[in-house]
């Protein structure tokens, strides 16, 4: 079964995967609710989507703020009921411009975990009342195992991956499909600062194409590219005494 939503709420829509997804979905008859923290970048994405004849509404807020996030979701849902939520907003130490320090680690957890929670829970409640909807949570292949190169980032992505997989069974009886999306290395601001070789680095437009196409079938998990996905799965299955020494040799992000 293929499902094409007509109203889509995207966090972190001003850059990276969020921006690419907004542009892929933008079309006549589509309502987009684009969210971000940078007004200039968000407005530029909105203008591009309007040029593709989409009905676009922008919301400027930080997903770490529970009240602001809930208010934006309520306002959007009153304009047109949200059919697809893409909880995409996220940061890494590279985006924050620093190594994983105590300060940046907390910022990563607050955005990547609580930002997702703040976005998903109020949207799910509204979808429950209608007994239909779709929620996509952007995780990462780094969430399959704790990565010593980015401890807080991989832990945050592991958390939302497990939560998304659990919500699949919890929300499906209410007519809500939950998909956890685990990409590998994508050319976005999150990877721009990486100074090490990133295997199977993918263009953001290609990643967006994969996500849009596969979301139509409501899978519990979307993980790609498949070679890296298999490696991540295998790394998660191996005993810690075997895999952790290997992961410990991975290069860390530049300060």
Protein backbone atom coordinates (compact mmCIF):
# COMPACT_ATOMS: atom_id res chain seq x y z
CA UNK A 1 0.00 0.00 0.00
CA UNK A 2 1.35 3.44 -0.97
CA UNK A 3 0.34 6.51 0.99
CA UNK A 4 0.90 10.10 -0.14
CA UNK A 5 0.32 12.71 2.57
CA UNK A 6 -1.00 16.17 1.70
CA UNK A 7 -0.04 17.99 4.92
CA UNK A 8 3.48 17.56 6.30
CA UNK A 9 5.13 19.03 9.40
CA UNK A 10 8.94 19.05 9.23
CA UNK A 11 11.31 20.16 11.99
CA UNK A 12 14.85 21.20 11.12
CA UNK A 13 13.56 22.24 7.69
CA UNK A 14 16.01 25.09 7.11
CA UNK A 15 18.95 22.88 6.07
CA UNK A 16 20.19 19.36 5.42
CA UNK A 17 17.75 16.47 5.17
CA UNK A 18 14.83 18.58 6.39
CA UNK A 19 15.34 21.12 3.61
CA UNK A 20 15.73 18.40 0.98
CA UNK A 21 12.55 16.65 2.15
CA UNK A 22 10.58 19.90 2.06
CA UNK A 23 11.61 20.46 -1.54
CA UNK A 24 10.77 16.86 -2.50
CA UNK A 25 7.27 17.08 -1.03
CA UNK A 26 6.54 20.61 -2.32
CA UNK A 27 3.88 20.48 -4.99
CA UNK A 28 0.44 21.81 -5.86
CA UNK A 29 -2.12 20.65 -3.32
CA UNK A 30 0.51 19.99 -0.64
CA UNK A 31 0.54 21.92 2.65
CA UNK A 32 3.95 22.19 4.29
CA UNK A 33 4.63 23.28 7.85
CA UNK A 34 8.32 24.11 7.93
CA UNK A 35 10.07 24.64 11.26
CA UNK A 36 13.51 25.89 12.22
CA UNK A 37 15.53 28.35 14.28
CA UNK A 38 17.17 30.39 11.51
CA UNK A 39 14.58 32.72 9.98
CA UNK A 40 16.64 33.70 6.93
CA UNK A 41 17.38 30.11 5.89
CA UNK A 42 13.85 28.94 6.68
CA UNK A 43 12.30 31.72 4.61
CA UNK A 44 14.50 30.80 1.64
CA UNK A 45 13.36 27.17 1.79
CA UNK A 46 9.74 28.29 2.12
CA UNK A 47 10.06 30.53 -0.97
CA UNK A 48 11.50 27.66 -3.00
CA UNK A 49 8.62 25.40 -1.95
CA UNK A 50 6.07 28.10 -2.84
CA UNK A 51 7.64 28.33 -6.29
CA UNK A 52 6.69 24.66 -6.63
CA UNK A 53 3.08 25.68 -5.81
CA UNK A 54 2.98 24.26 -2.28
CA UNK A 55 0.99 26.00 0.46
CA UNK A 56 3.73 26.81 2.99
CA UNK A 57 3.56 27.94 6.62
CA UNK A 58 6.72 28.59 8.67
CA UNK A 59 7.26 28.32 12.40
CA UNK A 60 10.32 29.71 14.16
CA UNK A 61 11.07 27.91 17.43
CA UNK A 62 13.50 25.62 19.23
CA UNK A 63 12.31 22.01 19.63
CA UNK A 64 13.91 21.96 23.07
CA UNK A 65 11.11 24.28 24.22
CA UNK A 66 8.18 21.99 24.99
CA UNK A 67 5.56 24.74 25.08
CA UNK A 68 6.67 26.50 21.88
CA UNK A 69 6.81 23.18 20.05
CA UNK A 70 3.34 22.15 21.19
CA UNK A 71 1.93 25.57 20.24
CA UNK A 72 3.39 25.32 16.73
CA UNK A 73 1.91 21.85 16.28
CA UNK A 74 -1.52 23.05 17.47
CA UNK A 75 -1.46 26.05 15.13
CA UNK A 76 -0.42 23.92 12.18
CA UNK A 77 -3.04 21.26 12.90
CA UNK A 78 -5.76 23.92 13.01
CA UNK A 79 -4.74 25.15 9.55
CA UNK A 80 -4.85 21.63 8.16
CA UNK A 81 -4.68 18.35 10.11
CA UNK A 82 -1.12 17.01 10.06
CA UNK A 83 -0.94 13.77 8.11
CA UNK A 84 2.84 13.25 8.27
CA UNK A 85 5.23 14.46 10.95
CA UNK A 86 8.95 14.32 10.22
CA UNK A 87 10.88 14.79 13.47
CA UNK A 88 14.15 15.74 11.85
CA UNK A 89 15.73 18.51 13.97
CA UNK A 90 19.05 17.40 15.39
CA UNK A 91 22.59 18.50 16.18
CA UNK A 92 26.02 16.97 16.58
CA UNK A 93 29.24 18.27 18.09
CA UNK A 94 30.34 19.24 14.59
CA UNK A 95 27.31 21.45 14.11
CA UNK A 96 27.80 22.93 17.54
CA UNK A 97 31.35 23.81 16.54
CA UNK A 98 33.05 21.83 19.30
CA UNK A 99 34.14 18.40 20.44
CA UNK A 100 31.76 16.47 22.69
CA UNK A 101 32.22 18.33 25.97
CA UNK A 102 29.86 18.18 28.96
CA UNK A 103 28.11 21.29 27.62
CA UNK A 104 27.74 20.05 24.05
CA UNK A 105 26.73 16.56 25.21
CA UNK A 106 23.79 18.03 27.12
CA UNK A 107 22.84 20.18 24.13
CA UNK A 108 22.89 17.09 21.90
CA UNK A 109 20.66 15.13 24.28
CA UNK A 110 18.25 18.04 24.74
CA UNK A 111 17.77 18.51 21.00
CA UNK A 112 18.08 14.98 19.63
CA UNK A 113 16.06 13.26 22.36
CA UNK A 114 13.80 15.75 24.12
CA UNK A 115 13.31 17.74 20.92
CA UNK A 116 11.95 14.59 19.27
CA UNK A 117 9.78 13.81 22.29
CA UNK A 118 8.42 17.36 22.35
CA UNK A 119 7.50 17.04 18.68
CA UNK A 120 6.13 13.51 18.53
CA UNK A 121 3.93 13.29 21.63
CA UNK A 122 1.55 16.23 20.98
CA UNK A 123 1.28 15.30 17.30
CA UNK A 124 0.48 11.69 18.15
CA UNK A 125 -2.34 12.81 20.45
CA UNK A 126 -3.96 14.78 17.64
CA UNK A 127 -3.56 11.88 15.23
CA UNK A 128 -5.12 9.51 17.77
CA UNK A 129 -8.32 11.54 17.79
CA UNK A 130 -8.54 11.07 14.01
CA UNK A 131 -7.32 7.45 14.13
CA UNK A 132 -4.83 8.05 11.32
CA UNK A 133 -1.45 9.60 10.66
CA UNK A 134 2.21 8.92 10.04
CA UNK A 135 5.26 9.82 12.12
CA UNK A 136 8.84 9.63 10.88
CA UNK A 137 11.72 9.95 13.35
CA UNK A 138 15.18 10.69 11.97
CA UNK A 139 17.75 8.55 13.79
CA UNK A 140 21.08 7.35 12.34
CA UNK A 141 23.07 4.20 11.65
CA UNK A 142 25.34 5.43 14.44
CA UNK A 143 22.49 4.57 16.79
CA UNK A 144 23.03 0.83 16.30
CA UNK A 145 26.04 0.84 18.63
CA UNK A 146 27.75 3.30 20.98
CA UNK A 147 30.39 5.12 18.91
CA UNK A 148 33.46 6.33 20.79
CA UNK A 149 34.00 8.92 18.06
CA UNK A 150 30.69 10.61 18.99
CA UNK A 151 29.36 9.19 22.28
CA UNK A 152 26.53 11.64 22.95
CA UNK A 153 25.39 11.77 19.33
CA UNK A 154 25.28 7.98 18.88
CA UNK A 155 23.57 7.57 22.26
CA UNK A 156 20.93 10.14 21.35
CA UNK A 157 20.24 8.42 18.05
CA UNK A 158 20.12 5.00 19.73
CA UNK A 159 17.51 6.38 22.13
CA UNK A 160 15.15 7.73 19.47
CA UNK A 161 15.69 4.60 17.35
CA UNK A 162 14.55 2.35 20.20
CA UNK A 163 11.70 4.73 21.07
CA UNK A 164 10.51 4.91 17.47
CA UNK A 165 10.56 1.12 17.12
CA UNK A 166 8.56 0.79 20.34
CA UNK A 167 6.05 3.44 19.25
CA UNK A 168 5.43 1.48 16.06
CA UNK A 169 3.61 -1.18 18.08
CA UNK A 170 2.08 1.28 20.54
CA UNK A 171 0.54 3.65 18.01
CA UNK A 172 -0.38 1.25 15.19
CA UNK A 173 -3.64 0.19 16.92
CA UNK A 174 -4.63 3.87 16.79
CA UNK A 175 -4.12 3.99 13.03
CA UNK A 176 -0.77 5.78 13.30
CA UNK A 177 2.26 4.41 11.46
CA UNK A 178 5.70 5.15 12.92
CA UNK A 179 8.88 4.85 10.88
CA UNK A 180 12.39 5.22 12.28
CA UNK A 181 14.85 6.46 9.65
CA UNK A 182 18.53 5.54 10.00
CA UNK A 183 20.72 7.07 7.29
CA UNK A 184 24.46 6.71 6.95
CA UNK A 185 26.72 9.62 6.01
CA UNK A 186 24.75 12.33 4.18
CA UNK A 187 26.15 15.58 2.81
CA UNK A 188 24.60 18.00 5.33
CA UNK A 189 25.86 20.59 7.84
CA UNK A 190 26.19 17.70 10.32
CA UNK A 191 28.90 16.09 8.19
CA UNK A 192 30.50 19.20 6.64
CA UNK A 193 32.93 19.59 9.55
CA UNK A 194 34.08 15.97 9.50
CA UNK A 195 37.75 15.80 8.52
CA UNK A 196 37.85 12.01 8.16
CA UNK A 197 36.82 9.81 5.26
CA UNK A 198 33.11 9.01 5.30
CA UNK A 199 32.33 5.75 3.47
CA UNK A 200 29.36 5.73 1.09
CA UNK A 201 28.81 9.47 1.58
CA UNK A 202 25.46 10.23 -0.09
CA UNK A 203 24.10 13.39 -1.68
CA UNK A 204 21.27 14.84 0.39
CA UNK A 205 18.85 14.86 -2.57
CA UNK A 206 19.37 11.13 -3.11
CA UNK A 207 18.77 10.47 0.58
CA UNK A 208 15.56 12.51 0.46
CA UNK A 209 14.37 10.52 -2.57
CA UNK A 210 14.92 7.26 -0.71
CA UNK A 211 13.06 8.50 2.37
CA UNK A 212 10.07 9.90 0.46
CA UNK A 213 9.70 6.75 -1.65
CA UNK A 214 9.99 4.29 1.22
CA UNK A 215 7.76 6.25 3.62
CA UNK A 216 4.85 5.62 1.26
CA UNK A 217 4.82 1.98 2.38
CA UNK A 218 4.85 2.64 6.15
CA UNK A 219 7.89 0.49 7.04
CA UNK A 220 8.89 0.31 10.72
CA UNK A 221 12.52 1.14 9.84
CA UNK A 222 14.29 2.72 6.88
CA UNK A 223 18.07 2.13 6.98
CA UNK A 224 20.43 3.00 4.15
CA UNK A 225 22.74 2.61 2.31
CA UNK A 226 22.25 -1.13 2.66
CA UNK A 227 25.94 -2.03 2.96
CA UNK A 228 26.44 0.37 5.87
CA UNK A 229 23.11 -0.67 7.35
CA UNK A 230 24.23 -4.30 7.35
CA UNK A 231 27.54 -3.31 8.92
CA UNK A 232 25.76 -1.28 11.61
CA UNK A 233 23.42 -4.18 12.34
CA UNK A 234 26.35 -6.59 12.55
CA UNK A 235 28.24 -4.20 14.83
CA UNK A 236 25.25 -4.09 17.11
CA UNK A 237 25.10 -7.89 17.26
CA UNK A 238 28.78 -8.58 17.98
CA UNK A 239 29.99 -8.96 21.58
CA UNK A 240 31.30 -5.75 23.15
CA UNK A 241 34.77 -7.25 23.69
CA UNK A 242 35.10 -7.70 19.91
CA UNK A 243 33.51 -4.58 18.49
CA UNK A 244 34.39 -1.87 21.02
CA UNK A 245 38.18 -2.01 20.42
CA UNK A 246 37.46 -1.52 16.70
CA UNK A 247 35.07 1.39 17.31
CA UNK A 248 37.61 2.92 19.67
CA UNK A 249 39.98 3.44 16.74
CA UNK A 250 37.51 5.50 14.74
CA UNK A 251 38.55 9.15 14.18
CA UNK A 252 36.88 11.78 16.31
CA UNK A 253 35.36 15.02 15.06
CA UNK A 254 37.68 17.98 14.78
CA UNK A 255 37.44 20.58 17.51
